[in-house]
Protein backbone atom coordinates (compact mmCIF):
# COMPACT_ATOMS: atom_id res chain seq x y z
CA UNK A 1 -16.82 0.21 9.01
CA UNK A 2 -13.08 0.62 9.33
CA UNK A 3 -10.28 -0.30 6.95
CA UNK A 4 -6.81 -1.59 7.79
CA UNK A 5 -3.55 -0.96 5.92
CA UNK A 6 0.18 -1.19 6.47
CA UNK A 7 2.60 1.55 5.45
CA UNK A 8 6.34 1.20 6.02
CA UNK A 9 5.84 -1.38 8.82
CA UNK A 10 3.22 0.82 10.55
CA UNK A 11 -0.41 -0.28 10.91
CA UNK A 12 -3.14 2.16 9.86
CA UNK A 13 -6.81 1.99 10.82
CA UNK A 14 -9.02 4.30 8.76
CA UNK A 15 -12.64 5.40 8.59
CA UNK A 16 -12.01 6.04 4.87
CA UNK A 17 -11.24 3.38 2.31
CA UNK A 18 -7.81 4.09 0.74
CA UNK A 19 -7.50 1.83 -2.32
CA UNK A 20 -3.97 3.02 -3.18
CA UNK A 21 -2.65 1.42 0.04
CA UNK A 22 -1.98 -2.25 0.74
CA UNK A 23 -4.47 -3.97 3.09
CA UNK A 24 -3.16 -5.72 6.21
CA UNK A 25 -4.87 -7.42 9.16
CA UNK A 26 -3.59 -6.52 12.64
CA UNK A 27 -4.73 -6.03 16.22
CA UNK A 28 -3.06 -2.78 17.29
CA UNK A 29 -2.94 0.37 15.14
CA UNK A 30 0.02 2.77 14.99
CA UNK A 31 -1.79 5.43 12.91
CA UNK A 32 -5.45 6.45 12.89
CA UNK A 33 -7.46 8.21 10.17
CA UNK A 34 -10.78 9.50 11.51
CA UNK A 35 -13.67 11.37 9.88
CA UNK A 36 -14.58 14.45 11.92
CA UNK A 37 -16.92 17.40 11.43
CA UNK A 38 -14.70 19.75 13.44
CA UNK A 39 -11.53 20.22 11.36
CA UNK A 40 -10.91 23.89 10.66
CA UNK A 41 -10.28 24.78 7.00
CA UNK A 42 -6.86 26.45 6.77
CA UNK A 43 -6.42 29.81 5.06
CA UNK A 44 -3.54 28.38 3.03
CA UNK A 45 -3.01 24.92 1.58
CA UNK A 46 -0.79 24.03 4.56
CA UNK A 47 -0.92 25.81 7.90
CA UNK A 48 1.46 25.04 10.77
CA UNK A 49 -0.20 25.56 14.14
CA UNK A 50 1.68 26.77 17.26
CA UNK A 51 1.07 23.48 19.08
CA UNK A 52 2.87 21.46 16.35
CA UNK A 53 -0.28 20.28 14.61
CA UNK A 54 -0.73 20.82 10.86
CA UNK A 55 -3.79 21.82 8.84
CA UNK A 56 -4.10 20.96 5.15
CA UNK A 57 -6.81 21.39 2.50
CA UNK A 58 -6.92 19.56 -0.79
CA UNK A 59 -8.17 20.71 -4.19
CA UNK A 60 -11.78 19.81 -3.26
CA UNK A 61 -11.63 21.74 0.04
CA UNK A 62 -11.49 18.61 2.20
CA UNK A 63 -9.79 19.65 5.45
CA UNK A 64 -7.19 17.55 7.28
CA UNK A 65 -5.72 17.94 10.75
CA UNK A 66 -2.45 16.08 11.34
CA UNK A 67 -1.79 15.56 15.03
CA UNK A 68 1.00 13.16 16.04
CA UNK A 69 -0.05 9.76 14.70
CA UNK A 70 -3.64 10.79 13.95
CA UNK A 71 -5.28 12.36 10.91
CA UNK A 72 -8.73 13.92 11.27
CA UNK A 73 -10.65 14.63 8.06
CA UNK A 74 -13.69 16.82 7.38
CA UNK A 75 -15.22 15.87 4.04
CA UNK A 76 -16.49 18.72 1.83
CA UNK A 77 -19.76 17.65 0.24
CA UNK A 78 -19.44 14.32 -1.58
CA UNK A 79 -15.69 14.48 -2.09
CA UNK A 80 -14.72 11.47 0.00
CA UNK A 81 -13.04 9.80 -3.01
CA UNK A 82 -10.72 12.79 -3.41
CA UNK A 83 -10.03 12.77 0.34
CA UNK A 84 -8.97 9.14 0.01
CA UNK A 85 -6.46 10.10 -2.70
CA UNK A 86 -5.26 13.21 -0.87
CA UNK A 87 -4.53 11.21 2.29
CA UNK A 88 -1.66 9.40 0.54
CA UNK A 89 0.25 12.62 0.12
CA UNK A 90 0.80 15.49 2.52
CA UNK A 91 -1.29 14.10 5.47
CA UNK A 92 0.31 10.64 5.47
CA UNK A 93 3.71 12.16 4.73
CA UNK A 94 3.63 14.26 7.88
CA UNK A 95 2.33 11.39 10.02
CA UNK A 96 5.20 9.18 8.82
CA UNK A 97 7.58 12.06 9.52
CA UNK A 98 6.18 12.11 13.07
CA UNK A 99 6.97 8.37 13.33
CA UNK A 100 10.75 8.62 12.88
CA UNK A 101 10.90 8.37 9.09
CA UNK A 102 12.32 11.00 6.78
CA UNK A 103 9.89 11.67 3.95
CA UNK A 104 10.85 13.23 0.61
CA UNK A 105 8.61 14.25 -2.29
CA UNK A 106 9.53 11.90 -5.12
CA UNK A 107 9.31 8.51 -6.80
CA UNK A 108 11.54 5.46 -6.46
CA UNK A 109 12.43 2.26 -8.31
CA UNK A 110 14.55 -0.74 -7.39
CA UNK A 111 16.44 -3.72 -8.68
CA UNK A 112 16.47 -6.63 -6.22
CA UNK A 113 16.98 -4.90 -2.85
CA UNK A 114 18.71 -1.72 -4.12
CA UNK A 115 16.76 1.46 -4.88
CA UNK A 116 17.14 4.87 -6.49
CA UNK A 117 14.96 7.97 -5.94
CA UNK A 118 13.90 10.80 -8.24
CA UNK A 119 13.22 14.00 -6.30
CA UNK A 120 11.88 17.31 -7.58
CA UNK A 121 9.04 19.78 -7.73
CA UNK A 122 5.59 18.87 -9.07
CA UNK A 123 5.68 18.36 -12.83
CA UNK A 124 9.43 17.71 -12.92
CA UNK A 125 8.93 14.24 -14.39
CA UNK A 126 9.57 12.02 -11.36
CA UNK A 127 6.77 9.56 -12.10
CA UNK A 128 7.55 9.51 -15.82
CA UNK A 129 11.17 8.56 -15.19
CA UNK A 130 10.11 5.93 -12.67
CA UNK A 131 7.65 4.52 -15.20
CA UNK A 132 10.32 4.41 -17.93
CA UNK A 133 12.70 2.51 -15.65
CA UNK A 134 9.96 0.07 -14.65
CA UNK A 135 9.41 -0.46 -18.36
CA UNK A 136 13.16 -1.22 -18.60
CA UNK A 137 12.95 -3.98 -16.00
CA UNK A 138 13.18 -2.26 -12.62
CA UNK A 139 10.38 -2.37 -10.03
CA UNK A 140 8.33 0.39 -8.46
CA UNK A 141 9.17 1.17 -4.84
CA UNK A 142 6.99 4.21 -4.21
CA UNK A 143 5.07 7.06 -5.78
CA UNK A 144 4.88 10.61 -4.37
CA UNK A 145 6.22 9.73 -0.90
CA UNK A 146 9.79 8.47 -0.50
CA UNK A 147 9.77 7.03 3.03
CA UNK A 148 13.31 6.58 4.36
CA UNK A 149 14.86 5.28 7.57
CA UNK A 150 18.50 4.28 8.12
CA UNK A 151 19.22 4.58 4.38
CA UNK A 152 16.42 2.14 3.55
CA UNK A 153 13.34 3.09 1.53
CA UNK A 154 9.99 1.40 2.06
CA UNK A 155 7.37 0.29 -0.44
CA UNK A 156 3.75 0.61 0.72
CA UNK A 157 1.65 0.89 -2.44
CA UNK A 158 1.18 -0.85 -5.80
CA UNK A 159 0.12 2.34 -7.59
CA UNK A 160 1.83 4.65 -10.07
CA UNK A 161 0.33 8.09 -10.86
CA UNK A 162 0.80 9.12 -14.49
CA UNK A 163 -1.03 10.59 -17.46
CA UNK A 164 -3.66 8.27 -18.91
CA UNK A 165 -1.93 8.04 -22.30
CA UNK A 166 1.57 7.50 -20.91
CA UNK A 167 1.49 3.95 -19.55
CA UNK A 168 3.71 1.69 -21.73
CA UNK A 169 1.92 -1.31 -23.22
CA UNK A 170 4.37 -3.72 -21.57
CA UNK A 171 3.43 -2.60 -18.05
CA UNK A 172 0.42 -4.58 -16.87
CA UNK A 173 -2.04 -3.08 -14.43
CA UNK A 174 -4.91 -4.49 -12.41
CA UNK A 175 -7.14 -1.43 -12.08
CA UNK A 176 -7.31 2.34 -12.42
CA UNK A 177 -8.26 4.99 -9.88
CA UNK A 178 -9.42 8.29 -11.36
CA UNK A 179 -8.31 11.58 -9.82
CA UNK A 180 -10.70 14.54 -9.79
CA UNK A 181 -9.54 17.96 -10.99
CA UNK A 182 -6.01 16.80 -11.80
CA UNK A 183 -4.38 19.47 -13.99
CA UNK A 184 -2.34 16.85 -15.85
CA UNK A 185 -5.13 14.27 -16.31
CA UNK A 186 -3.26 11.68 -14.28
CA UNK A 187 -4.61 8.36 -13.05
CA UNK A 188 -3.46 5.91 -10.38
CA UNK A 189 -2.63 2.58 -12.02
CA UNK A 190 -2.52 -0.39 -9.66
CA UNK A 191 0.36 -2.46 -11.06
CA UNK A 192 0.77 -6.21 -11.15
CA UNK A 193 3.06 -7.85 -8.60
CA UNK A 194 5.87 -8.40 -11.12
CA UNK A 195 6.32 -4.61 -11.30
CA UNK A 196 6.43 -3.99 -7.51
CA UNK A 197 9.53 -4.13 -5.29
CA UNK A 198 9.94 -5.79 -1.91
CA UNK A 199 8.86 -4.01 1.25
CA UNK A 200 12.31 -2.53 2.03
CA UNK A 201 15.21 -1.64 -0.26
CA UNK A 202 18.65 -0.17 0.36
CA UNK A 203 18.75 3.37 -1.02
CA UNK A 204 21.83 3.72 -3.24
CA UNK A 205 21.28 7.00 -5.11
CA UNK A 206 19.08 10.09 -5.26
CA UNK A 207 18.64 12.17 -8.42
CA UNK A 208 17.37 15.74 -8.06
CA UNK A 209 15.56 16.69 -11.25
CA UNK A 210 16.24 20.00 -12.96
CA UNK A 211 15.39 21.36 -16.39
CA UNK A 212 18.16 22.39 -18.80
CA UNK A 213 18.98 22.52 -22.50
CA UNK A 214 21.27 19.50 -22.30
CA UNK A 215 21.23 16.25 -20.38
CA UNK A 216 23.86 16.38 -17.64
CA UNK A 217 24.28 14.38 -14.42
CA UNK A 218 26.51 15.92 -11.77
CA UNK A 219 27.59 14.33 -8.50
CA UNK A 220 26.84 16.39 -5.38
CA UNK A 221 28.98 16.69 -2.28
CA UNK A 222 27.51 16.18 1.19
CA UNK A 223 26.88 19.90 1.83
CA UNK A 224 25.17 20.45 -1.53
CA UNK A 225 23.21 17.22 -1.11
CA UNK A 226 21.94 18.50 2.24
CA UNK A 227 20.66 21.71 0.62
CA UNK A 228 18.82 19.79 -2.09
CA UNK A 229 17.35 17.34 0.44
CA UNK A 230 16.21 20.18 2.69
CA UNK A 231 14.27 21.72 -0.21
CA UNK A 232 12.14 18.60 -0.78
CA UNK A 233 12.01 17.13 2.73
CA UNK A 234 8.96 16.97 4.96
CA UNK A 235 9.62 18.99 8.13
CA UNK A 236 7.34 20.03 10.96
CA UNK A 237 8.77 23.56 11.07
CA UNK A 238 11.77 25.63 9.97
CA UNK A 239 13.84 24.50 12.97
CA UNK A 240 13.05 20.78 12.92
CA UNK A 241 16.32 19.57 14.43
CA UNK A 242 15.33 15.91 14.25
CA UNK A 243 14.69 16.22 10.51
CA UNK A 244 18.00 18.05 10.03
CA UNK A 245 19.79 15.10 11.62
CA UNK A 246 18.01 12.58 9.38
CA UNK A 247 18.74 14.65 6.26
CA UNK A 248 22.40 14.93 7.27
CA UNK A 249 22.65 11.15 7.57
CA UNK A 250 21.08 10.63 4.15
CA UNK A 251 23.42 13.19 2.56
CA UNK A 252 26.41 11.28 3.94
CA UNK A 253 25.22 7.72 3.35
CA UNK A 254 23.54 7.99 -0.08
CA UNK A 255 25.13 9.18 -3.33
CA UNK A 256 23.30 12.25 -4.61
CA UNK A 257 23.25 13.69 -8.12
CA UNK A 258 21.81 16.68 -9.94
CA UNK A 259 20.00 15.42 -13.06
CA UNK A 260 19.52 18.15 -15.66
CA UNK A 261 17.62 17.16 -18.78
CA UNK A 262 15.72 18.70 -21.66
CA UNK A 263 12.01 18.10 -21.08
CA UNK A 264 11.31 18.77 -24.76
CA UNK A 265 13.24 15.60 -25.64
CA UNK A 266 11.47 12.22 -25.72
CA UNK A 267 11.10 10.47 -22.38
CA UNK A 268 13.08 7.50 -23.72
CA UNK A 269 16.11 9.72 -24.31
CA UNK A 270 16.02 11.13 -20.78
CA UNK A 271 15.51 7.65 -19.33
CA UNK A 272 18.51 6.32 -21.26
CA UNK A 273 20.63 9.07 -19.68
CA UNK A 274 19.72 7.70 -16.24
CA UNK A 275 20.08 4.05 -17.28
CA UNK A 276 23.57 4.66 -18.65
CA UNK A 277 24.56 6.54 -15.50
CA UNK A 278 23.32 3.74 -13.26
CA UNK A 279 25.08 1.19 -15.44
CA UNK A 280 28.41 3.02 -15.11
CA UNK A 281 28.23 4.04 -11.45
CA UNK A 282 26.44 1.01 -10.01
CA UNK A 283 27.60 -1.92 -12.15
CA UNK A 284 25.87 -5.25 -11.48
CA UNK A 285 23.27 -3.61 -9.19
CA UNK A 286 20.49 -2.04 -11.28
CA UNK A 287 21.12 -3.58 -14.70
CA UNK A 288 23.25 -6.66 -14.07
CA UNK A 289 24.84 -8.28 -17.09
CA UNK A 290 24.06 -11.89 -17.82
CA UNK A 291 26.51 -14.22 -19.49
CA UNK A 292 25.38 -15.26 -22.95
CA UNK A 293 25.51 -18.94 -23.84
C-alpha cells in the first residue's frame, strides 16, 4: 500500500504512512519515499556523500538516504512510527531543498496571507512562540521546516509539536501523535482548520531567537541577515552556490530581526514582546485594528 501527500505544491508518494502531512490524490509524483533494506547507517547523524547524496539516522537508528527527489528508508526493528515522524524533518527538508525551495529550521505563523518566521537552534522556543501567537489569533503556517520560494512560505501540515502540558485551552486539536524518546516530552497536535493558514503566505519578517537577560528586538542589515540565515539554512554542502543565491534574495526581500529574550520569563511576556513589535512595524497586517461601534 502506498500513501499520497502534497507538500509545498509537490506530490509525494510514500511506502510509509505520514500522518503529520496533508493527504492529496494525484497521478504523477514529484517525490518518492521508499522502504529499502540497503540504506547504509551513517557514522554521524548526517553524512554528506561525495556524489551529493545524504545519509541520516534518527534517534531510533532508522537510516535514510536522500538522493535527488527520492528518500530511501531502512527501518530499525519496529520503529516505523518514529521513521514516519523523522521523515518530516531533515530528510524532507533536503528533498525540498533539492526541488528549488530554500528550507530553514523554524516555525511560522500568519495573518491572512502575510507570515512571520521564528528561526533558531533546537530548544530556542520557536514552537512555543508560534503557539502563543496562534493563541492570540494568528494561524499556523509550518512547524520545524520553513519552506520558502520567492519570498513566499508554504503550509503543508496541520500539526504543531510542543510539550504535552503547554497547549493553551483555547487551541482546539483533532488528534495527538506521540513521539518516542523525545527529550522534551513533546507531542504533535493536529490542529483544527481555524488555526491553520492558507497554502501560501507572503513572508514579511524573520526573527532569529537568542537568549539574553532582557527582551530586545534588533533590526538586522542585509549582510548580518545573510549570516544568520546561513547558520540555519539547509544546504547540500559548504559551497552550495544555489542556496547562497536563495539566502541572499531572502536577506534582501524580507525584514530580519534578532530577538533576544529571557527564557526564565513567562512565555506570555516573551510573546507580548513579539506582538507589540509586529503591531508597531507591520500595522494593519498581523493584528489589524477594528473600528468599535
